[in-house]
Amino acid sequence: MGIFQLISKGGITMYVLIPCSILSVAITIERILYYYRRSRVKREDFMMDIRNQLDRDNPRHAMSMCIGICKDTNTPFANVVCAGLTAYGRGEKEISSNMERSIVIETNMLSRFTAIVGTIGSIAVYIGLFGTVLGIMKAFHNISATGAGGISVVINGVSEALITTIAGLCIAVPAVIFYNYFVKSIDNFIIDMELCASEILDIISGKQK
């Protein structure tokens, strides 16, 4: 049975599951590329560059140089460090608040669209089961209307009805897997941002004393 025949046999439920599948795949690809582009620089290497720059120059000039490094580094923790360095010369509370706001903004950008994938992973199976129930009801209705019976007729109708359950599982399983991957990736990004924020606050505090 070809793909178009499967869609046709699955009925109207398949026309709900197909957009869900396309949306889930599109978001998954976009998020994977987004995370990859922002994880190519290691936090340890980045912070070593910042520390080396701050140690070899006067504080004001070093801060401006480090801000330039942050802007050239396309990672969430670099934006957090930039927020902290921009507030250099102000109180520790204001510097910390600046970086905390940056962490919230970056976390929001990292988690963008991921809830959609999680929702699709949760509901795709139920949509598939709904289609299966409708298919079984239709099969038995056709049997009663035509008067044709027999185990082969019933099995044929049920097998066609189960197409939507299979489709729902094929959509839900990858969606759940990738949603868990997104959650773990976001947690790792948050840990890096918080560690950088703590480290840069210590550095700035030492410079201001």
N, C-alpha and C. Protein backbone atom coordinates (compact mmCIF):
# COMPACT_ATOMS: atom_id res chain seq x y z
N MET A 1 0.85 -1.19 0.00
CA MET A 1 0.00 0.00 0.00
C MET A 1 0.88 1.24 0.00
N GLY A 2 0.66 2.15 -0.97
CA GLY A 2 1.47 3.34 -1.08
C GLY A 2 1.11 4.38 -0.04
N ILE A 3 1.92 5.43 0.03
CA ILE A 3 1.71 6.48 1.04
C ILE A 3 0.38 7.19 0.85
N PHE A 4 0.00 7.44 -0.41
CA PHE A 4 -1.27 8.13 -0.66
C PHE A 4 -2.46 7.24 -0.34
N GLN A 5 -2.30 5.94 -0.56
CA GLN A 5 -3.36 5.01 -0.19
C GLN A 5 -3.52 4.94 1.33
N LEU A 6 -2.38 4.96 2.03
CA LEU A 6 -2.44 4.95 3.50
C LEU A 6 -3.16 6.17 4.03
N ILE A 7 -2.85 7.33 3.45
CA ILE A 7 -3.50 8.57 3.88
C ILE A 7 -4.98 8.51 3.61
N SER A 8 -5.32 7.98 2.45
CA SER A 8 -6.73 7.87 2.07
C SER A 8 -7.47 6.90 3.00
N LYS A 9 -6.85 5.78 3.31
CA LYS A 9 -7.47 4.79 4.20
C LYS A 9 -7.59 5.32 5.62
N GLY A 10 -6.65 6.17 6.02
CA GLY A 10 -6.66 6.70 7.38
C GLY A 10 -7.78 7.68 7.65
N GLY A 11 -8.31 8.25 6.59
CA GLY A 11 -9.44 9.15 6.75
C GLY A 11 -9.04 10.55 7.18
N ILE A 12 -10.01 11.26 7.72
CA ILE A 12 -9.82 12.68 8.05
C ILE A 12 -8.76 12.87 9.14
N THR A 13 -8.59 11.89 10.01
CA THR A 13 -7.60 12.01 11.09
C THR A 13 -6.19 12.18 10.53
N MET A 14 -5.91 11.54 9.41
CA MET A 14 -4.59 11.65 8.79
C MET A 14 -4.29 13.09 8.36
N TYR A 15 -5.33 13.82 8.01
CA TYR A 15 -5.14 15.21 7.59
C TYR A 15 -4.89 16.14 8.78
N VAL A 16 -5.09 15.63 9.98
CA VAL A 16 -4.69 16.35 11.20
C VAL A 16 -3.27 15.95 11.58
N LEU A 17 -2.96 14.66 11.45
CA LEU A 17 -1.65 14.16 11.84
C LEU A 17 -0.53 14.63 10.90
N ILE A 18 -0.82 14.75 9.61
CA ILE A 18 0.22 15.17 8.66
C ILE A 18 0.74 16.57 8.96
N PRO A 19 -0.11 17.59 9.17
CA PRO A 19 0.43 18.91 9.55
C PRO A 19 1.21 18.88 10.87
N CYS A 20 0.74 18.04 11.82
CA CYS A 20 1.47 17.91 13.08
C CYS A 20 2.87 17.36 12.83
N SER A 21 2.97 16.39 11.95
CA SER A 21 4.26 15.79 11.62
C SER A 21 5.18 16.81 10.96
N ILE A 22 4.65 17.55 9.99
CA ILE A 22 5.46 18.55 9.29
C ILE A 22 5.94 19.63 10.25
N LEU A 23 5.03 20.09 11.12
CA LEU A 23 5.38 21.14 12.08
C LEU A 23 6.45 20.63 13.06
N SER A 24 6.29 19.41 13.54
CA SER A 24 7.25 18.84 14.49
C SER A 24 8.63 18.70 13.86
N VAL A 25 8.69 18.20 12.63
CA VAL A 25 9.97 18.03 11.93
C VAL A 25 10.63 19.38 11.67
N ALA A 26 9.84 20.36 11.24
CA ALA A 26 10.38 21.69 10.93
C ALA A 26 10.98 22.35 12.18
N ILE A 27 10.26 22.29 13.29
CA ILE A 27 10.75 22.88 14.54
C ILE A 27 11.98 22.13 15.05
N THR A 28 11.96 20.82 14.94
CA THR A 28 13.09 20.01 15.39
C THR A 28 14.36 20.38 14.64
N ILE A 29 14.27 20.47 13.32
CA ILE A 29 15.44 20.84 12.51
C ILE A 29 15.92 22.25 12.86
N GLU A 30 14.97 23.19 12.99
CA GLU A 30 15.34 24.58 13.31
C GLU A 30 16.03 24.68 14.67
N ARG A 31 15.50 23.96 15.66
CA ARG A 31 16.08 24.02 17.01
C ARG A 31 17.46 23.36 17.06
N ILE A 32 17.62 22.23 16.38
CA ILE A 32 18.92 21.54 16.37
C ILE A 32 19.99 22.45 15.77
N LEU A 33 19.66 23.10 14.66
CA LEU A 33 20.60 24.03 14.02
C LEU A 33 20.89 25.22 14.93
N TYR A 34 19.84 25.71 15.59
CA TYR A 34 19.98 26.86 16.50
C TYR A 34 20.93 26.51 17.65
N TYR A 35 20.74 25.35 18.26
CA TYR A 35 21.59 24.92 19.37
C TYR A 35 23.02 24.65 18.90
N TYR A 36 23.14 24.06 17.72
CA TYR A 36 24.48 23.73 17.21
C TYR A 36 25.31 25.00 16.99
N ARG A 37 24.68 26.03 16.39
CA ARG A 37 25.40 27.28 16.12
C ARG A 37 25.81 27.98 17.40
N ARG A 38 25.10 27.72 18.49
CA ARG A 38 25.38 28.41 19.75
C ARG A 38 26.13 27.54 20.75
N SER A 39 26.61 26.41 20.31
CA SER A 39 27.37 25.55 21.22
C SER A 39 28.75 25.20 20.67
N ARG A 40 29.18 25.91 19.61
CA ARG A 40 30.47 25.59 19.01
C ARG A 40 31.64 26.12 19.83
N VAL A 41 31.39 27.11 20.70
CA VAL A 41 32.44 27.66 21.56
C VAL A 41 32.28 27.10 22.96
N LYS A 42 33.34 26.56 23.52
CA LYS A 42 33.29 26.01 24.86
C LYS A 42 33.38 27.13 25.90
N ARG A 43 32.59 26.97 26.96
CA ARG A 43 32.57 27.97 28.02
C ARG A 43 33.94 28.17 28.64
N GLU A 44 34.65 27.08 28.89
CA GLU A 44 35.95 27.19 29.54
C GLU A 44 36.94 28.00 28.70
N ASP A 45 36.96 27.73 27.40
CA ASP A 45 37.87 28.46 26.49
C ASP A 45 37.50 29.94 26.42
N PHE A 46 36.20 30.19 26.35
CA PHE A 46 35.73 31.58 26.26
C PHE A 46 36.11 32.37 27.52
N MET A 47 35.87 31.80 28.68
CA MET A 47 36.16 32.50 29.92
C MET A 47 37.66 32.66 30.12
N MET A 48 38.46 31.75 29.61
CA MET A 48 39.91 31.90 29.70
C MET A 48 40.37 33.10 28.87
N ASP A 49 39.77 33.26 27.68
CA ASP A 49 40.09 34.42 26.85
C ASP A 49 39.71 35.72 27.55
N ILE A 50 38.56 35.73 28.18
CA ILE A 50 38.10 36.93 28.91
C ILE A 50 39.04 37.24 30.06
N ARG A 51 39.40 36.23 30.82
CA ARG A 51 40.30 36.43 31.96
C ARG A 51 41.67 36.94 31.51
N ASN A 52 42.19 36.34 30.45
CA ASN A 52 43.50 36.77 29.94
C ASN A 52 43.47 38.22 29.48
N GLN A 53 42.39 38.60 28.83
CA GLN A 53 42.25 39.98 28.35
C GLN A 53 42.17 40.96 29.52
N LEU A 54 41.42 40.58 30.54
CA LEU A 54 41.25 41.47 31.69
C LEU A 54 42.53 41.59 32.52
N ASP A 55 43.38 40.57 32.47
CA ASP A 55 44.61 40.58 33.27
C ASP A 55 45.74 41.36 32.62
N ARG A 56 45.68 41.59 31.31
CA ARG A 56 46.82 42.19 30.64
C ARG A 56 46.62 43.66 30.25
N ASP A 57 45.52 44.24 30.63
CA ASP A 57 45.25 45.61 30.20
C ASP A 57 44.60 46.38 31.34
N ASN A 58 44.49 47.73 31.17
CA ASN A 58 43.79 48.51 32.19
C ASN A 58 42.31 48.16 32.14
N PRO A 59 41.64 48.23 33.29
CA PRO A 59 40.26 47.73 33.39
C PRO A 59 39.30 48.28 32.34
N ARG A 60 39.28 49.60 32.14
CA ARG A 60 38.32 50.21 31.22
C ARG A 60 38.51 49.72 29.79
N HIS A 61 39.76 49.76 29.33
CA HIS A 61 40.04 49.32 27.97
C HIS A 61 39.80 47.82 27.83
N ALA A 62 40.17 47.07 28.87
CA ALA A 62 39.96 45.61 28.84
C ALA A 62 38.48 45.27 28.74
N MET A 63 37.65 46.02 29.45
CA MET A 63 36.21 45.77 29.41
C MET A 63 35.66 45.97 28.01
N SER A 64 36.07 47.04 27.35
CA SER A 64 35.59 47.30 25.99
C SER A 64 36.07 46.22 25.02
N MET A 65 37.30 45.76 25.21
CA MET A 65 37.81 44.67 24.36
C MET A 65 37.03 43.38 24.59
N CYS A 66 36.72 43.10 25.85
CA CYS A 66 35.97 41.89 26.18
C CYS A 66 34.55 41.94 25.65
N ILE A 67 33.94 43.12 25.69
CA ILE A 67 32.59 43.28 25.12
C ILE A 67 32.61 42.97 23.63
N GLY A 68 33.69 43.40 22.96
CA GLY A 68 33.84 43.08 21.54
C GLY A 68 33.96 41.58 21.31
N ILE A 69 34.71 40.90 22.18
CA ILE A 69 34.84 39.44 22.08
C ILE A 69 33.48 38.77 22.27
N CYS A 70 32.72 39.27 23.24
CA CYS A 70 31.39 38.70 23.51
C CYS A 70 30.46 38.84 22.31
N LYS A 71 30.50 40.01 21.69
CA LYS A 71 29.61 40.25 20.55
C LYS A 71 30.00 39.41 19.34
N ASP A 72 31.27 39.04 19.26
CA ASP A 72 31.73 38.19 18.15
C ASP A 72 31.49 36.70 18.42
N THR A 73 31.12 36.37 19.66
CA THR A 73 30.89 34.97 20.05
C THR A 73 29.40 34.72 20.13
N ASN A 74 28.90 33.90 19.24
CA ASN A 74 27.46 33.67 19.12
C ASN A 74 26.99 32.55 20.05
N THR A 75 27.04 32.84 21.35
CA THR A 75 26.57 31.87 22.34
C THR A 75 25.76 32.59 23.42
N PRO A 76 24.81 31.90 24.07
CA PRO A 76 24.03 32.55 25.12
C PRO A 76 24.88 33.06 26.28
N PHE A 77 25.90 32.27 26.70
CA PHE A 77 26.69 32.72 27.85
C PHE A 77 27.54 33.94 27.51
N ALA A 78 27.91 34.11 26.23
CA ALA A 78 28.65 35.31 25.83
C ALA A 78 27.77 36.55 25.97
N ASN A 79 26.48 36.43 25.66
CA ASN A 79 25.56 37.55 25.82
C ASN A 79 25.35 37.90 27.28
N VAL A 80 25.37 36.88 28.14
CA VAL A 80 25.25 37.12 29.58
C VAL A 80 26.47 37.85 30.10
N VAL A 81 27.65 37.41 29.69
CA VAL A 81 28.90 38.07 30.09
C VAL A 81 28.92 39.50 29.58
N CYS A 82 28.46 39.71 28.36
CA CYS A 82 28.41 41.05 27.79
C CYS A 82 27.51 41.96 28.62
N ALA A 83 26.39 41.42 29.09
CA ALA A 83 25.48 42.20 29.94
C ALA A 83 26.16 42.60 31.24
N GLY A 84 26.97 41.70 31.79
CA GLY A 84 27.69 42.01 33.02
C GLY A 84 28.79 43.03 32.81
N LEU A 85 29.55 42.89 31.72
CA LEU A 85 30.64 43.83 31.43
C LEU A 85 30.12 45.21 31.09
N THR A 86 28.96 45.27 30.45
CA THR A 86 28.35 46.57 30.10
C THR A 86 28.02 47.38 31.35
N ALA A 87 27.72 46.66 32.43
CA ALA A 87 27.36 47.35 33.69
C ALA A 87 28.58 47.61 34.57
N TYR A 88 29.78 47.44 34.02
CA TYR A 88 30.99 47.67 34.81
C TYR A 88 31.03 49.11 35.33
N GLY A 89 31.39 49.26 36.59
CA GLY A 89 31.44 50.57 37.22
C GLY A 89 30.23 50.86 38.09
N ARG A 90 29.20 50.03 37.94
CA ARG A 90 28.01 50.19 38.78
C ARG A 90 28.11 49.21 39.95
N GLY A 91 27.08 49.16 40.76
CA GLY A 91 27.10 48.28 41.92
C GLY A 91 26.96 46.81 41.53
N GLU A 92 27.39 45.95 42.44
CA GLU A 92 27.31 44.51 42.18
C GLU A 92 25.87 44.06 41.95
N LYS A 93 24.92 44.67 42.66
CA LYS A 93 23.52 44.28 42.52
C LYS A 93 23.01 44.57 41.11
N GLU A 94 23.38 45.73 40.58
CA GLU A 94 22.94 46.10 39.24
C GLU A 94 23.60 45.21 38.18
N ILE A 95 24.88 44.88 38.39
CA ILE A 95 25.58 43.98 37.46
C ILE A 95 24.91 42.61 37.47
N SER A 96 24.62 42.11 38.67
CA SER A 96 23.97 40.81 38.80
C SER A 96 22.58 40.82 38.16
N SER A 97 21.83 41.90 38.38
CA SER A 97 20.48 42.01 37.80
C SER A 97 20.54 42.04 36.27
N ASN A 98 21.54 42.75 35.75
CA ASN A 98 21.73 42.81 34.30
C ASN A 98 21.92 41.41 33.70
N MET A 99 22.77 40.63 34.36
CA MET A 99 23.05 39.29 33.85
C MET A 99 21.86 38.35 34.05
N GLU A 100 21.14 38.51 35.14
CA GLU A 100 19.95 37.68 35.37
C GLU A 100 18.89 37.94 34.30
N ARG A 101 18.70 39.21 33.95
CA ARG A 101 17.75 39.54 32.88
C ARG A 101 18.19 38.92 31.56
N SER A 102 19.50 38.97 31.30
CA SER A 102 20.02 38.38 30.07
C SER A 102 19.81 36.87 30.05
N ILE A 103 19.97 36.21 31.19
CA ILE A 103 19.74 34.77 31.28
C ILE A 103 18.28 34.44 30.97
N VAL A 104 17.37 35.25 31.49
CA VAL A 104 15.93 35.03 31.23
C VAL A 104 15.64 35.18 29.74
N ILE A 105 16.20 36.23 29.12
CA ILE A 105 15.99 36.46 27.69
C ILE A 105 16.54 35.31 26.86
N GLU A 106 17.77 34.89 27.17
CA GLU A 106 18.40 33.80 26.42
C GLU A 106 17.67 32.48 26.62
N THR A 107 17.21 32.22 27.84
CA THR A 107 16.45 30.99 28.10
C THR A 107 15.15 30.98 27.31
N ASN A 108 14.52 32.14 27.23
CA ASN A 108 13.28 32.25 26.45
C ASN A 108 13.54 31.96 24.97
N MET A 109 14.66 32.47 24.45
CA MET A 109 15.01 32.22 23.05
C MET A 109 15.34 30.73 22.82
N LEU A 110 16.01 30.11 23.80
CA LEU A 110 16.37 28.70 23.67
C LEU A 110 15.15 27.78 23.71
N SER A 111 14.15 28.14 24.49
CA SER A 111 12.97 27.28 24.64
C SER A 111 11.88 27.60 23.64
N ARG A 112 12.15 28.54 22.75
CA ARG A 112 11.16 28.95 21.75
C ARG A 112 10.72 27.76 20.88
N PHE A 113 9.43 27.58 20.73
CA PHE A 113 8.80 26.54 19.90
C PHE A 113 8.90 25.13 20.48
N THR A 114 9.72 24.91 21.50
CA THR A 114 9.91 23.54 21.99
C THR A 114 8.63 22.97 22.61
N ALA A 115 7.80 23.83 23.19
CA ALA A 115 6.55 23.36 23.79
C ALA A 115 5.63 22.77 22.73
N ILE A 116 5.72 23.28 21.50
CA ILE A 116 4.89 22.75 20.41
C ILE A 116 5.27 21.30 20.13
N VAL A 117 6.57 21.02 20.08
CA VAL A 117 7.04 19.65 19.85
C VAL A 117 6.59 18.73 20.99
N GLY A 118 6.70 19.22 22.22
CA GLY A 118 6.26 18.43 23.37
C GLY A 118 4.77 18.14 23.33
N THR A 119 3.99 19.15 22.92
CA THR A 119 2.53 18.97 22.82
C THR A 119 2.18 17.95 21.74
N ILE A 120 2.84 18.06 20.59
CA ILE A 120 2.59 17.10 19.50
C ILE A 120 2.95 15.69 19.94
N GLY A 121 4.07 15.56 20.67
CA GLY A 121 4.45 14.25 21.18
C GLY A 121 3.44 13.67 22.15
N SER A 122 2.74 14.55 22.87
CA SER A 122 1.76 14.10 23.86
C SER A 122 0.42 13.72 23.23
N ILE A 123 0.01 14.47 22.20
CA ILE A 123 -1.36 14.28 21.68
C ILE A 123 -1.43 13.45 20.40
N ALA A 124 -0.31 13.25 19.71
CA ALA A 124 -0.36 12.54 18.42
C ALA A 124 -0.91 11.13 18.58
N VAL A 125 -0.51 10.44 19.65
CA VAL A 125 -1.01 9.07 19.87
C VAL A 125 -2.51 9.08 20.07
N TYR A 126 -3.01 10.06 20.83
CA TYR A 126 -4.45 10.12 21.10
C TYR A 126 -5.25 10.47 19.85
N ILE A 127 -4.67 11.34 19.03
CA ILE A 127 -5.33 11.64 17.75
C ILE A 127 -5.39 10.38 16.88
N GLY A 128 -4.29 9.61 16.88
CA GLY A 128 -4.26 8.36 16.13
C GLY A 128 -5.28 7.37 16.64
N LEU A 129 -5.41 7.26 17.96
CA LEU A 129 -6.41 6.36 18.55
C LEU A 129 -7.83 6.81 18.23
N PHE A 130 -8.03 8.11 18.22
CA PHE A 130 -9.34 8.65 17.86
C PHE A 130 -9.70 8.24 16.44
N GLY A 131 -8.71 8.35 15.53
CA GLY A 131 -8.93 7.93 14.15
C GLY A 131 -9.22 6.44 14.04
N THR A 132 -8.54 5.65 14.88
CA THR A 132 -8.77 4.20 14.87
C THR A 132 -10.19 3.86 15.33
N VAL A 133 -10.65 4.53 16.38
CA VAL A 133 -12.02 4.31 16.86
C VAL A 133 -13.03 4.67 15.77
N LEU A 134 -12.81 5.81 15.12
CA LEU A 134 -13.71 6.21 14.03
C LEU A 134 -13.69 5.18 12.91
N GLY A 135 -12.48 4.67 12.59
CA GLY A 135 -12.34 3.68 11.52
C GLY A 135 -13.06 2.38 11.84
N ILE A 136 -12.95 1.93 13.09
CA ILE A 136 -13.63 0.69 13.51
C ILE A 136 -15.14 0.88 13.47
N MET A 137 -15.60 2.03 13.94
CA MET A 137 -17.04 2.32 13.90
C MET A 137 -17.55 2.31 12.45
N LYS A 138 -16.74 2.91 11.56
CA LYS A 138 -17.13 2.95 10.15
C LYS A 138 -17.14 1.54 9.55
N ALA A 139 -16.15 0.72 9.92
CA ALA A 139 -16.08 -0.65 9.40
C ALA A 139 -17.29 -1.46 9.82
N PHE A 140 -17.66 -1.39 11.09
CA PHE A 140 -18.83 -2.14 11.56
C PHE A 140 -20.13 -1.59 10.98
N HIS A 141 -20.16 -0.26 10.78
CA HIS A 141 -21.35 0.33 10.16
C HIS A 141 -21.51 -0.17 8.74
N ASN A 142 -20.42 -0.25 8.00
CA ASN A 142 -20.48 -0.73 6.62
C ASN A 142 -20.89 -2.20 6.57
N ILE A 143 -20.40 -2.99 7.56
CA ILE A 143 -20.77 -4.41 7.62
C ILE A 143 -22.26 -4.56 7.85
N SER A 144 -22.80 -3.77 8.80
CA SER A 144 -24.23 -3.86 9.10
C SER A 144 -25.08 -3.34 7.96
N ALA A 145 -24.57 -2.33 7.24
CA ALA A 145 -25.35 -1.75 6.14
C ALA A 145 -25.42 -2.67 4.92
N THR A 146 -24.31 -3.35 4.64
CA THR A 146 -24.25 -4.21 3.45
C THR A 146 -24.68 -5.63 3.74
N GLY A 147 -24.61 -6.00 5.01
CA GLY A 147 -24.98 -7.36 5.38
C GLY A 147 -23.85 -8.35 5.17
N ALA A 148 -22.72 -7.89 4.68
CA ALA A 148 -21.56 -8.77 4.47
C ALA A 148 -20.84 -8.96 5.80
N GLY A 149 -20.51 -10.18 6.13
CA GLY A 149 -19.85 -10.45 7.40
C GLY A 149 -18.64 -11.34 7.22
N GLY A 150 -18.27 -12.01 8.26
CA GLY A 150 -17.11 -12.90 8.20
C GLY A 150 -15.91 -12.27 8.84
N ILE A 151 -15.04 -13.10 9.38
CA ILE A 151 -13.87 -12.62 10.09
C ILE A 151 -12.93 -11.85 9.18
N SER A 152 -12.84 -12.24 7.91
CA SER A 152 -11.94 -11.56 6.98
C SER A 152 -12.38 -10.12 6.74
N VAL A 153 -13.67 -9.92 6.66
CA VAL A 153 -14.19 -8.56 6.45
C VAL A 153 -13.90 -7.69 7.67
N VAL A 154 -14.12 -8.26 8.86
CA VAL A 154 -13.88 -7.50 10.10
C VAL A 154 -12.40 -7.16 10.24
N ILE A 155 -11.53 -8.15 10.00
CA ILE A 155 -10.09 -7.93 10.13
C ILE A 155 -9.61 -6.87 9.14
N ASN A 156 -10.13 -6.92 7.93
CA ASN A 156 -9.75 -5.93 6.92
C ASN A 156 -10.11 -4.51 7.36
N GLY A 157 -11.32 -4.35 7.91
CA GLY A 157 -11.76 -3.03 8.38
C GLY A 157 -10.94 -2.54 9.56
N VAL A 158 -10.63 -3.44 10.49
CA VAL A 158 -9.85 -3.05 11.67
C VAL A 158 -8.42 -2.71 11.29
N SER A 159 -7.83 -3.48 10.37
CA SER A 159 -6.45 -3.21 9.94
C SER A 159 -6.34 -1.84 9.29
N GLU A 160 -7.34 -1.45 8.51
CA GLU A 160 -7.34 -0.12 7.91
C GLU A 160 -7.50 0.95 8.98
N ALA A 161 -8.31 0.67 9.99
CA ALA A 161 -8.53 1.64 11.06
C ALA A 161 -7.27 1.87 11.89
N LEU A 162 -6.42 0.83 12.01
CA LEU A 162 -5.21 0.94 12.83
C LEU A 162 -4.11 1.78 12.17
N ILE A 163 -4.31 2.16 10.92
CA ILE A 163 -3.32 2.99 10.22
C ILE A 163 -3.09 4.29 10.98
N THR A 164 -4.14 4.90 11.51
CA THR A 164 -3.98 6.18 12.21
C THR A 164 -3.21 6.02 13.52
N THR A 165 -3.40 4.88 14.19
CA THR A 165 -2.62 4.63 15.42
C THR A 165 -1.14 4.52 15.11
N ILE A 166 -0.82 3.80 14.04
CA ILE A 166 0.58 3.67 13.62
C ILE A 166 1.15 5.04 13.27
N ALA A 167 0.38 5.83 12.52
CA ALA A 167 0.84 7.17 12.14
C ALA A 167 1.06 8.04 13.38
N GLY A 168 0.13 7.95 14.34
CA GLY A 168 0.27 8.73 15.58
C GLY A 168 1.52 8.36 16.35
N LEU A 169 1.82 7.06 16.43
CA LEU A 169 3.03 6.60 17.12
C LEU A 169 4.29 7.06 16.40
N CYS A 170 4.26 7.00 15.06
CA CYS A 170 5.44 7.41 14.28
C CYS A 170 5.73 8.90 14.45
N ILE A 171 4.72 9.68 14.74
CA ILE A 171 4.90 11.12 14.97
C ILE A 171 5.28 11.38 16.43
N ALA A 172 4.60 10.69 17.35
CA ALA A 172 4.77 10.98 18.78
C ALA A 172 6.13 10.57 19.32
N VAL A 173 6.60 9.38 18.94
CA VAL A 173 7.86 8.87 19.52
C VAL A 173 9.04 9.79 19.21
N PRO A 174 9.30 10.16 17.93
CA PRO A 174 10.41 11.09 17.68
C PRO A 174 10.20 12.45 18.34
N ALA A 175 8.95 12.91 18.38
CA ALA A 175 8.68 14.22 18.99
C ALA A 175 9.04 14.22 20.47
N VAL A 176 8.69 13.15 21.18
CA VAL A 176 9.02 13.05 22.61
C VAL A 176 10.52 12.96 22.82
N ILE A 177 11.18 12.16 21.98
CA ILE A 177 12.64 12.01 22.08
C ILE A 177 13.34 13.36 21.90
N PHE A 178 12.96 14.08 20.85
CA PHE A 178 13.61 15.36 20.58
C PHE A 178 13.21 16.42 21.61
N TYR A 179 12.00 16.36 22.13
CA TYR A 179 11.61 17.31 23.17
C TYR A 179 12.48 17.12 24.41
N ASN A 180 12.71 15.87 24.79
CA ASN A 180 13.61 15.60 25.93
C ASN A 180 15.03 16.08 25.65
N TYR A 181 15.46 15.92 24.40
CA TYR A 181 16.78 16.43 24.01
C TYR A 181 16.83 17.96 24.14
N PHE A 182 15.77 18.63 23.72
CA PHE A 182 15.71 20.09 23.83
C PHE A 182 15.78 20.53 25.29
N VAL A 183 15.02 19.85 26.14
CA VAL A 183 15.00 20.20 27.57
C VAL A 183 16.39 20.05 28.17
N LYS A 184 17.06 18.94 27.84
CA LYS A 184 18.41 18.71 28.37
C LYS A 184 19.39 19.75 27.83
N SER A 185 19.29 20.08 26.56
CA SER A 185 20.18 21.08 25.97
C SER A 185 19.99 22.45 26.62
N ILE A 186 18.73 22.81 26.84
CA ILE A 186 18.44 24.10 27.49
C ILE A 186 19.01 24.13 28.90
N ASP A 187 18.88 23.03 29.63
CA ASP A 187 19.45 22.95 30.98
C ASP A 187 20.97 23.15 30.95
N ASN A 188 21.62 22.54 29.96
CA ASN A 188 23.08 22.70 29.83
C ASN A 188 23.45 24.15 29.52
N PHE A 189 22.68 24.79 28.64
CA PHE A 189 22.93 26.20 28.32
C PHE A 189 22.74 27.08 29.56
N ILE A 190 21.71 26.79 30.34
CA ILE A 190 21.44 27.58 31.55
C ILE A 190 22.58 27.42 32.56
N ILE A 191 23.07 26.20 32.72
CA ILE A 191 24.21 25.96 33.63
C ILE A 191 25.42 26.78 33.19
N ASP A 192 25.72 26.77 31.89
CA ASP A 192 26.85 27.56 31.38
C ASP A 192 26.65 29.05 31.63
N MET A 193 25.44 29.53 31.41
CA MET A 193 25.16 30.96 31.62
C MET A 193 25.31 31.34 33.09
N GLU A 194 24.80 30.51 33.97
CA GLU A 194 24.89 30.81 35.41
C GLU A 194 26.33 30.75 35.90
N LEU A 195 27.10 29.79 35.41
CA LEU A 195 28.51 29.70 35.80
C LEU A 195 29.29 30.92 35.30
N CYS A 196 29.03 31.34 34.07
CA CYS A 196 29.70 32.52 33.52
C CYS A 196 29.30 33.77 34.29
N ALA A 197 28.02 33.88 34.63
CA ALA A 197 27.55 35.04 35.39
C ALA A 197 28.23 35.12 36.75
N SER A 198 28.34 33.98 37.41
CA SER A 198 28.99 33.95 38.72
C SER A 198 30.47 34.31 38.60
N GLU A 199 31.12 33.76 37.57
CA GLU A 199 32.56 34.00 37.40
C GLU A 199 32.85 35.46 37.03
N ILE A 200 32.04 36.00 36.14
CA ILE A 200 32.29 37.38 35.70
C ILE A 200 31.98 38.37 36.82
N LEU A 201 31.01 38.02 37.67
CA LEU A 201 30.71 38.88 38.82
C LEU A 201 31.88 38.92 39.79
N ASP A 202 32.51 37.77 39.99
CA ASP A 202 33.70 37.73 40.86
C ASP A 202 34.84 38.55 40.27
N ILE A 203 35.03 38.43 38.95
CA ILE A 203 36.11 39.17 38.29
C ILE A 203 35.88 40.68 38.40
N ILE A 204 34.66 41.11 38.08
CA ILE A 204 34.35 42.54 38.12
C ILE A 204 34.44 43.07 39.54
N SER A 205 33.97 42.30 40.49
CA SER A 205 34.04 42.73 41.90
C SER A 205 35.48 42.92 42.32
N GLY A 206 36.37 42.00 41.88
CA GLY A 206 37.78 42.14 42.19
C GLY A 206 38.42 43.36 41.54
N LYS A 207 37.97 43.70 40.33
CA LYS A 207 38.50 44.86 39.61
C LYS A 207 38.06 46.16 40.23
N GLN A 208 36.83 46.17 40.78
CA GLN A 208 36.28 47.40 41.32
C GLN A 208 36.80 47.72 42.71
N LYS A 209 37.39 46.73 43.36
CA LYS A 209 37.90 46.97 44.73
C LYS A 209 39.22 47.74 44.70
